[in-house]
Amino acid sequence: MRAEGRRRFPAAWGQALTQTLAGWAELLYPPACLACAKVLPSQAFFCETCDTALERLPPACCRTCAEPGAFPALTCPRCLRHPPPFTRVWAPFIHEGPLSRAIHRYKYEDHPELAAPLAALLADEARAFLARAPSWIVALPLHAHRFRERRYDQAQLLAGALARATGRQAPVGLLTRVRDTPRQVGLDEAARADNVAGAFEASRSAEGQAVLLLDDVFTTGATARAAADALSARGAGPVEVLTLARACAVR
């Protein structure tokens, strides 16, 4: 007796279900400003007040680490003294004002649902950069202890959402944080570098892969350097870095 083929739902049913789920999602999470949480009349990333206050990264910046400034060799003194293990950093915004507030809400105020709109914002802003960037998106991961405290890994959620928005891959486990390092906030540049030295390990799957490291904020680059070192040690490369915001350098 011939086996019956598996029944399939009509395509229209799937479309209707998707629209219904999208409607429920909008009811649960109506359009709101990423920074101040003001409910918006239509889909947008920021309210008019916050949007006006956004600070974009200026055109004059280091071609390697994106530190703002007009440098004679187009490269900042830090990158000249200590060339990083990544080829370039790209960020659309300065880590100030509404963008800083949006990231703080996402990371520290238990708002994992902001991953999707933040990823959509980044995909929109970084369209030209992403057209030439590696297809593998690798998040700068939390240590397991920090993950248990926060209950979600904001970088991995952002990487997954960005991968879905751009048709890329965001493999989990390619990079692991093996040391639970203290927070970087308040540390100077040298202390930051010491704090994260040897903090990451990359899996063998990284060998031969071009990688796009993703994080929310880039400050001195100490964490990105440590992660890129781990990836390079496994034979990955080139490594590029994408971040939502570029903070002013800590000396």
C-alpha atoms as a PDB file:
ATOM      1  CA  MET A   1       0.000   0.000   0.000  1.00  0.00           C
ATOM      2  CA  ARG A   2       1.393   3.356  -0.999  1.00  0.00           C
ATOM      3  CA  ALA A   3       2.343   5.553   1.931  1.00  0.00           C
ATOM      4  CA  GLU A   4       0.390   8.744   2.140  1.00  0.00           C
ATOM      5  CA  GLY A   5       2.313  11.948   1.663  1.00  0.00           C
ATOM      6  CA  ARG A   6       2.629  14.240   4.622  1.00  0.00           C
ATOM      7  CA  ARG A   7      -0.162  16.768   4.722  1.00  0.00           C
ATOM      8  CA  ARG A   8       0.866  20.360   4.316  1.00  0.00           C
ATOM      9  CA  PHE A   9      -0.915  23.520   5.373  1.00  0.00           C
ATOM     10  CA  PRO A  10      -1.806  25.849   2.498  1.00  0.00           C
ATOM     11  CA  ALA A  11       0.669  28.703   2.103  1.00  0.00           C
ATOM     12  CA  ALA A  12      -2.108  31.208   2.783  1.00  0.00           C
ATOM     13  CA  TRP A  13      -2.628  29.657   6.220  1.00  0.00           C
ATOM     14  CA  GLY A  14       1.026  30.229   7.075  1.00  0.00           C
ATOM     15  CA  GLN A  15       0.825  33.833   5.920  1.00  0.00           C
ATOM     16  CA  ALA A  16      -2.326  34.384   7.980  1.00  0.00           C
ATOM     17  CA  LEU A  17      -0.683  32.829  11.048  1.00  0.00           C
ATOM     18  CA  THR A  18       2.390  35.040  10.602  1.00  0.00           C
ATOM     19  CA  GLN A  19       0.216  38.144  10.366  1.00  0.00           C
ATOM     20  CA  THR A  20      -1.769  37.075  13.435  1.00  0.00           C
ATOM     21  CA  LEU A  21       1.389  36.484  15.472  1.00  0.00           C
ATOM     22  CA  ALA A  22       2.763  39.834  14.323  1.00  0.00           C
ATOM     23  CA  GLY A  23      -0.458  41.469  15.491  1.00  0.00           C
ATOM     24  CA  TRP A  24      -0.218  39.819  18.903  1.00  0.00           C
ATOM     25  CA  ALA A  25       3.430  40.871  19.166  1.00  0.00           C
ATOM     26  CA  GLU A  26       2.445  44.463  18.445  1.00  0.00           C
ATOM     27  CA  LEU A  27      -0.195  44.287  21.174  1.00  0.00           C
ATOM     28  CA  LEU A  28       2.314  42.858  23.650  1.00  0.00           C
ATOM     29  CA  TYR A  29       5.116  45.201  22.552  1.00  0.00           C
ATOM     30  CA  PRO A  30       3.576  48.238  20.819  1.00  0.00           C
ATOM     31  CA  PRO A  31       5.992  50.484  18.907  1.00  0.00           C
ATOM     32  CA  ALA A  32       7.987  52.415  21.482  1.00  0.00           C
ATOM     33  CA  CYS A  33      11.096  54.555  21.572  1.00  0.00           C
ATOM     34  CA  LEU A  34      14.163  52.413  22.235  1.00  0.00           C
ATOM     35  CA  ALA A  35      15.591  55.072  24.542  1.00  0.00           C
ATOM     36  CA  CYS A  36      12.730  56.550  26.576  1.00  0.00           C
ATOM     37  CA  ALA A  37      10.065  53.850  25.979  1.00  0.00           C
ATOM     38  CA  LYS A  38       7.495  56.409  24.835  1.00  0.00           C
ATOM     39  CA  VAL A  39       4.755  54.614  22.874  1.00  0.00           C
ATOM     40  CA  LEU A  40       4.850  55.669  19.222  1.00  0.00           C
ATOM     41  CA  PRO A  41       1.943  55.995  16.768  1.00  0.00           C
ATOM     42  CA  SER A  42       3.827  53.997  14.121  1.00  0.00           C
ATOM     43  CA  GLN A  43       6.898  51.821  13.718  1.00  0.00           C
ATOM     44  CA  ALA A  44      10.047  53.807  14.445  1.00  0.00           C
ATOM     45  CA  PHE A  45      13.229  53.319  16.437  1.00  0.00           C
ATOM     46  CA  PHE A  46      13.097  56.550  18.435  1.00  0.00           C
ATOM     47  CA  CYS A  47      10.635  59.280  19.299  1.00  0.00           C
ATOM     48  CA  GLU A  48      11.214  62.642  17.638  1.00  0.00           C
ATOM     49  CA  THR A  49      12.979  64.101  20.679  1.00  0.00           C
ATOM     50  CA  CYS A  50      15.404  61.186  21.083  1.00  0.00           C
ATOM     51  CA  ASP A  51      15.990  60.850  17.345  1.00  0.00           C
ATOM     52  CA  THR A  52      17.041  64.493  17.166  1.00  0.00           C
ATOM     53  CA  ALA A  53      19.488  63.978  20.051  1.00  0.00           C
ATOM     54  CA  LEU A  54      21.287  60.969  18.512  1.00  0.00           C
ATOM     55  CA  GLU A  55      25.021  61.515  17.998  1.00  0.00           C
ATOM     56  CA  ARG A  56      26.432  59.861  14.893  1.00  0.00           C
ATOM     57  CA  LEU A  57      30.043  58.810  14.533  1.00  0.00           C
ATOM     58  CA  PRO A  58      31.803  61.611  12.615  1.00  0.00           C
ATOM     59  CA  PRO A  59      33.424  60.924   9.230  1.00  0.00           C
ATOM     60  CA  ALA A  60      36.807  61.865  10.719  1.00  0.00           C
ATOM     61  CA  CYS A  61      37.845  58.794  12.702  1.00  0.00           C
ATOM     62  CA  CYS A  62      40.529  56.115  12.834  1.00  0.00           C
ATOM     63  CA  ARG A  63      40.176  53.828   9.810  1.00  0.00           C
ATOM     64  CA  THR A  64      40.997  50.819  11.996  1.00  0.00           C
ATOM     65  CA  CYS A  65      39.235  51.261  15.365  1.00  0.00           C
ATOM     66  CA  ALA A  66      36.817  54.111  14.500  1.00  0.00           C
ATOM     67  CA  GLU A  67      38.050  56.366  17.322  1.00  0.00           C
ATOM     68  CA  PRO A  68      36.714  59.852  16.527  1.00  0.00           C
ATOM     69  CA  GLY A  69      39.373  62.344  15.490  1.00  0.00           C
ATOM     70  CA  ALA A  70      41.345  63.684  12.550  1.00  0.00           C
ATOM     71  CA  PHE A  71      44.573  61.660  12.549  1.00  0.00           C
ATOM     72  CA  PRO A  72      47.460  62.527  10.168  1.00  0.00           C
ATOM     73  CA  ALA A  73      47.938  58.922   9.039  1.00  0.00           C
ATOM     74  CA  LEU A  74      44.181  58.165   9.229  1.00  0.00           C
ATOM     75  CA  THR A  75      45.106  55.844  12.100  1.00  0.00           C
ATOM     76  CA  CYS A  76      44.979  56.707  15.801  1.00  0.00           C
ATOM     77  CA  PRO A  77      48.125  56.555  17.980  1.00  0.00           C
ATOM     78  CA  ARG A  78      46.818  53.473  19.815  1.00  0.00           C
ATOM     79  CA  CYS A  79      46.453  51.431  16.624  1.00  0.00           C
ATOM     80  CA  LEU A  80      49.849  52.635  15.387  1.00  0.00           C
ATOM     81  CA  ARG A  81      51.538  51.593  18.655  1.00  0.00           C
ATOM     82  CA  HIS A  82      49.667  48.314  19.017  1.00  0.00           C
ATOM     83  CA  PRO A  83      48.105  47.143  15.728  1.00  0.00           C
ATOM     84  CA  PRO A  84      44.937  45.225  16.631  1.00  0.00           C
ATOM     85  CA  PRO A  85      44.208  41.642  15.523  1.00  0.00           C
ATOM     86  CA  PHE A  86      41.079  42.835  13.692  1.00  0.00           C
ATOM     87  CA  THR A  87      41.089  44.727  10.398  1.00  0.00           C
ATOM     88  CA  ARG A  88      38.457  47.391  11.059  1.00  0.00           C
ATOM     89  CA  VAL A  89      35.659  48.534  13.364  1.00  0.00           C
ATOM     90  CA  TRP A  90      32.397  50.075  12.210  1.00  0.00           C
ATOM     91  CA  ALA A  91      29.789  51.816  14.363  1.00  0.00           C
ATOM     92  CA  PRO A  92      26.965  54.188  13.404  1.00  0.00           C
ATOM     93  CA  PHE A  93      26.641  56.119  16.676  1.00  0.00           C
ATOM     94  CA  ILE A  94      28.564  57.697  19.536  1.00  0.00           C
ATOM     95  CA  HIS A  95      27.780  56.048  22.882  1.00  0.00           C
ATOM     96  CA  GLU A  96      25.991  59.046  24.331  1.00  0.00           C
ATOM     97  CA  GLY A  97      22.448  60.268  24.892  1.00  0.00           C
ATOM     98  CA  PRO A  98      19.512  58.237  23.570  1.00  0.00           C
ATOM     99  CA  LEU A  99      21.627  55.449  22.071  1.00  0.00           C
ATOM    100  CA  SER A 100      23.458  54.959  25.372  1.00  0.00           C
ATOM    101  CA  ARG A 101      20.099  54.858  27.151  1.00  0.00           C
ATOM    102  CA  ALA A 102      18.708  52.297  24.697  1.00  0.00           C
ATOM    103  CA  ILE A 103      21.694  49.999  25.210  1.00  0.00           C
ATOM    104  CA  HIS A 104      21.442  50.351  28.992  1.00  0.00           C
ATOM    105  CA  ARG A 105      17.754  49.374  28.896  1.00  0.00           C
ATOM    106  CA  TYR A 106      18.591  46.353  26.762  1.00  0.00           C
ATOM    107  CA  LYS A 107      21.532  45.112  28.827  1.00  0.00           C
ATOM    108  CA  TYR A 108      20.715  45.995  32.412  1.00  0.00           C
ATOM    109  CA  GLU A 109      16.972  46.595  32.701  1.00  0.00           C
ATOM    110  CA  ASP A 110      15.708  43.174  31.582  1.00  0.00           C
ATOM    111  CA  HIS A 111      14.529  44.072  28.094  1.00  0.00           C
ATOM    112  CA  PRO A 112      15.662  41.206  25.834  1.00  0.00           C
ATOM    113  CA  GLU A 113      12.806  42.057  23.453  1.00  0.00           C
ATOM    114  CA  LEU A 114      14.857  45.065  22.320  1.00  0.00           C
ATOM    115  CA  ALA A 115      17.261  42.744  20.473  1.00  0.00           C
ATOM    116  CA  ALA A 116      15.125  42.677  17.322  1.00  0.00           C
ATOM    117  CA  PRO A 117      14.606  46.446  16.925  1.00  0.00           C
ATOM    118  CA  LEU A 118      18.232  47.193  17.811  1.00  0.00           C
ATOM    119  CA  ALA A 119      19.345  44.644  15.212  1.00  0.00           C
ATOM    120  CA  ALA A 120      16.985  46.191  12.659  1.00  0.00           C
ATOM    121  CA  LEU A 121      18.441  49.617  13.450  1.00  0.00           C
ATOM    122  CA  LEU A 122      21.985  48.289  13.027  1.00  0.00           C
ATOM    123  CA  ALA A 123      21.127  46.468   9.788  1.00  0.00           C
ATOM    124  CA  ASP A 124      19.647  49.665   8.396  1.00  0.00           C
ATOM    125  CA  GLU A 125      22.566  51.861   9.433  1.00  0.00           C
ATOM    126  CA  ALA A 126      25.303  49.382   8.454  1.00  0.00           C
ATOM    127  CA  ARG A 127      23.914  48.367   5.058  1.00  0.00           C
ATOM    128  CA  ALA A 128      26.972  49.509   3.084  1.00  0.00           C
ATOM    129  CA  PHE A 129      29.420  48.046   5.623  1.00  0.00           C
ATOM    130  CA  LEU A 130      27.605  44.705   5.734  1.00  0.00           C
ATOM    131  CA  ALA A 131      27.667  44.406   1.942  1.00  0.00           C
ATOM    132  CA  ARG A 132      31.425  43.746   2.197  1.00  0.00           C
ATOM    133  CA  ALA A 133      31.638  42.234   5.694  1.00  0.00           C
ATOM    134  CA  PRO A 134      32.098  38.542   6.609  1.00  0.00           C
ATOM    135  CA  SER A 135      28.933  36.433   6.626  1.00  0.00           C
ATOM    136  CA  TRP A 136      29.601  34.745   9.993  1.00  0.00           C
ATOM    137  CA  ILE A 137      28.426  36.918  12.892  1.00  0.00           C
ATOM    138  CA  VAL A 138      30.080  35.989  16.190  1.00  0.00           C
ATOM    139  CA  ALA A 139      28.899  37.603  19.417  1.00  0.00           C
ATOM    140  CA  LEU A 140      31.229  38.582  22.236  1.00  0.00           C
ATOM    141  CA  PRO A 141      29.648  36.149  24.711  1.00  0.00           C
ATOM    142  CA  LEU A 142      28.902  36.383  28.407  1.00  0.00           C
ATOM    143  CA  HIS A 143      30.524  34.009  30.868  1.00  0.00           C
ATOM    144  CA  ALA A 144      28.161  31.299  32.143  1.00  0.00           C
ATOM    145  CA  HIS A 145      28.058  32.907  35.602  1.00  0.00           C
ATOM    146  CA  ARG A 146      27.063  36.309  34.175  1.00  0.00           C
ATOM    147  CA  PHE A 147      24.504  34.598  31.948  1.00  0.00           C
ATOM    148  CA  ARG A 148      22.841  33.020  34.999  1.00  0.00           C
ATOM    149  CA  GLU A 149      22.650  36.439  36.647  1.00  0.00           C
ATOM    150  CA  ARG A 150      21.218  38.251  33.622  1.00  0.00           C
ATOM    151  CA  ARG A 151      19.226  35.272  32.251  1.00  0.00           C
ATOM    152  CA  TYR A 152      20.023  36.211  28.654  1.00  0.00           C
ATOM    153  CA  ASP A 153      23.124  36.921  26.597  1.00  0.00           C
ATOM    154  CA  GLN A 154      22.482  40.312  25.045  1.00  0.00           C
ATOM    155  CA  ALA A 155      25.275  40.011  22.473  1.00  0.00           C
ATOM    156  CA  GLN A 156      24.138  36.574  21.279  1.00  0.00           C
ATOM    157  CA  LEU A 157      20.510  37.711  21.042  1.00  0.00           C
ATOM    158  CA  LEU A 158      21.619  40.736  19.026  1.00  0.00           C
ATOM    159  CA  ALA A 159      23.763  38.531  16.770  1.00  0.00           C
ATOM    160  CA  GLY A 160      20.882  36.137  16.126  1.00  0.00           C
ATOM    161  CA  ALA A 161      18.488  38.970  15.350  1.00  0.00           C
ATOM    162  CA  LEU A 162      21.003  40.636  13.027  1.00  0.00           C
ATOM    163  CA  ALA A 163      21.643  37.326  11.256  1.00  0.00           C
ATOM    164  CA  ARG A 164      17.924  36.883  10.620  1.00  0.00           C
ATOM    165  CA  ALA A 165      17.590  40.465   9.417  1.00  0.00           C
ATOM    166  CA  THR A 166      20.500  40.178   6.976  1.00  0.00           C
ATOM    167  CA  GLY A 167      20.467  36.525   5.888  1.00  0.00           C
ATOM    168  CA  ARG A 168      23.705  35.676   7.680  1.00  0.00           C
ATOM    169  CA  GLN A 169      24.783  32.979  10.138  1.00  0.00           C
ATOM    170  CA  ALA A 170      25.339  33.524  13.864  1.00  0.00           C
ATOM    171  CA  PRO A 171      26.841  30.243  15.120  1.00  0.00           C
ATOM    172  CA  VAL A 172      26.583  29.702  18.873  1.00  0.00           C
ATOM    173  CA  GLY A 173      29.641  28.302  20.643  1.00  0.00           C
ATOM    174  CA  LEU A 174      32.246  29.429  18.122  1.00  0.00           C
ATOM    175  CA  LEU A 175      33.633  31.766  20.783  1.00  0.00           C
ATOM    176  CA  THR A 176      33.455  31.082  24.535  1.00  0.00           C
ATOM    177  CA  ARG A 177      34.308  33.298  27.484  1.00  0.00           C
ATOM    178  CA  VAL A 178      36.318  30.986  29.733  1.00  0.00           C
ATOM    179  CA  ARG A 179      37.088  33.496  32.500  1.00  0.00           C
ATOM    180  CA  ASP A 180      34.459  35.421  34.449  1.00  0.00           C
ATOM    181  CA  THR A 181      36.126  38.810  34.316  1.00  0.00           C
ATOM    182  CA  PRO A 182      35.088  41.825  36.410  1.00  0.00           C
ATOM    183  CA  ARG A 183      33.152  44.542  34.606  1.00  0.00           C
ATOM    184  CA  GLN A 184      35.249  46.909  32.502  1.00  0.00           C
ATOM    185  CA  VAL A 185      33.373  50.042  33.603  1.00  0.00           C
ATOM    186  CA  GLY A 186      35.688  52.409  35.484  1.00  0.00           C
ATOM    187  CA  LEU A 187      38.935  50.702  34.424  1.00  0.00           C
ATOM    188  CA  ASP A 188      41.634  52.536  32.494  1.00  0.00           C
ATOM    189  CA  GLU A 189      43.000  51.228  29.207  1.00  0.00           C
ATOM    190  CA  ALA A 190      45.810  49.116  30.679  1.00  0.00           C
ATOM    191  CA  ALA A 191      43.551  47.610  33.345  1.00  0.00           C
ATOM    192  CA  ARG A 192      40.943  46.735  30.724  1.00  0.00           C
ATOM    193  CA  ALA A 193      43.524  44.888  28.643  1.00  0.00           C
ATOM    194  CA  ASP A 194      44.797  42.942  31.671  1.00  0.00           C
ATOM    195  CA  ASN A 195      41.243  42.173  32.760  1.00  0.00           C
ATOM    196  CA  VAL A 196      40.276  40.362  29.542  1.00  0.00           C
ATOM    197  CA  ALA A 197      43.621  38.832  28.557  1.00  0.00           C
ATOM    198  CA  GLY A 198      43.041  35.146  27.831  1.00  0.00           C
ATOM    199  CA  ALA A 199      39.331  35.457  28.609  1.00  0.00           C
ATOM    200  CA  PHE A 200      38.161  33.804  25.362  1.00  0.00           C
ATOM    201  CA  GLU A 201      38.608  30.527  23.536  1.00  0.00           C
ATOM    202  CA  ALA A 202      37.530  29.768  19.983  1.00  0.00           C
ATOM    203  CA  SER A 203      36.382  26.379  18.728  1.00  0.00           C
ATOM    204  CA  ARG A 204      38.083  24.471  15.923  1.00  0.00           C
ATOM    205  CA  SER A 205      35.148  25.354  13.685  1.00  0.00           C
ATOM    206  CA  ALA A 206      36.585  28.864  13.437  1.00  0.00           C
ATOM    207  CA  GLU A 207      39.549  27.707  11.365  1.00  0.00           C
ATOM    208  CA  GLY A 208      39.584  29.332   7.950  1.00  0.00           C
ATOM    209  CA  GLN A 209      36.485  31.427   8.622  1.00  0.00           C
ATOM    210  CA  ALA A 210      36.195  35.163   8.089  1.00  0.00           C
ATOM    211  CA  VAL A 211      34.413  36.509  11.157  1.00  0.00           C
ATOM    212  CA  LEU A 212      32.336  39.568  11.991  1.00  0.00           C
ATOM    213  CA  LEU A 213      32.599  40.170  15.752  1.00  0.00           C
ATOM    214  CA  LEU A 214      29.503  41.821  17.182  1.00  0.00           C
ATOM    215  CA  ASP A 215      29.122  43.755  20.413  1.00  0.00           C
ATOM    216  CA  ASP A 216      26.931  46.574  21.672  1.00  0.00           C
ATOM    217  CA  VAL A 217      29.643  49.116  22.567  1.00  0.00           C
ATOM    218  CA  PHE A 218      33.297  49.517  21.561  1.00  0.00           C
ATOM    219  CA  THR A 219      35.435  51.559  23.977  1.00  0.00           C
ATOM    220  CA  THR A 220      39.192  50.896  24.020  1.00  0.00           C
ATOM    221  CA  GLY A 221      38.856  47.662  22.080  1.00  0.00           C
ATOM    222  CA  ALA A 222      40.419  45.526  24.815  1.00  0.00           C
ATOM    223  CA  THR A 223      37.606  42.956  24.752  1.00  0.00           C
ATOM    224  CA  ALA A 224      37.465  42.852  20.961  1.00  0.00           C
ATOM    225  CA  ARG A 225      41.249  42.422  20.824  1.00  0.00           C
ATOM    226  CA  ALA A 226      41.126  39.496  23.263  1.00  0.00           C
ATOM    227  CA  ALA A 227      38.326  37.840  21.296  1.00  0.00           C
ATOM    228  CA  ALA A 228      40.056  38.414  17.951  1.00  0.00           C
ATOM    229  CA  ASP A 229      43.285  36.985  19.395  1.00  0.00           C
ATOM    230  CA  ALA A 230      41.425  33.804  20.376  1.00  0.00           C
ATOM    231  CA  LEU A 231      39.845  33.520  16.925  1.00  0.00           C
ATOM    232  CA  SER A 232      43.165  34.159  15.172  1.00  0.00           C
ATOM    233  CA  ALA A 233      44.833  31.493  17.317  1.00  0.00           C
ATOM    234  CA  ARG A 234      42.332  29.013  15.849  1.00  0.00           C
ATOM    235  CA  GLY A 235      43.108  30.119  12.316  1.00  0.00           C
ATOM    236  CA  ALA A 236      40.120  32.397  11.758  1.00  0.00           C
ATOM    237  CA  GLY A 237      40.464  35.548   9.725  1.00  0.00           C
ATOM    238  CA  PRO A 238      40.123  38.191   8.724  1.00  0.00           C
ATOM    239  CA  VAL A 239      38.216  39.468  11.765  1.00  0.00           C
ATOM    240  CA  GLU A 240      36.117  42.633  11.541  1.00  0.00           C
ATOM    241  CA  VAL A 241      34.093  44.300  14.300  1.00  0.00           C
ATOM    242  CA  LEU A 242      30.582  45.740  14.184  1.00  0.00           C
ATOM    243  CA  THR A 243      29.037  47.555  17.117  1.00  0.00           C
ATOM    244  CA  LEU A 244      26.035  49.738  17.808  1.00  0.00           C
ATOM    245  CA  ALA A 245      28.064  52.522  19.365  1.00  0.00           C
ATOM    246  CA  ARG A 246      31.607  53.815  19.682  1.00  0.00           C
ATOM    247  CA  ALA A 247      32.438  55.171  23.125  1.00  0.00           C
ATOM    248  CA  CYS A 248      34.968  57.927  23.670  1.00  0.00           C
ATOM    249  CA  ALA A 249      38.332  56.374  24.417  1.00  0.00           C
ATOM    250  CA  VAL A 250      39.311  55.633  28.006  1.00  0.00           C
ATOM    251  CA  ARG A 251      42.921  56.574  28.740  1.00  0.00           C
END
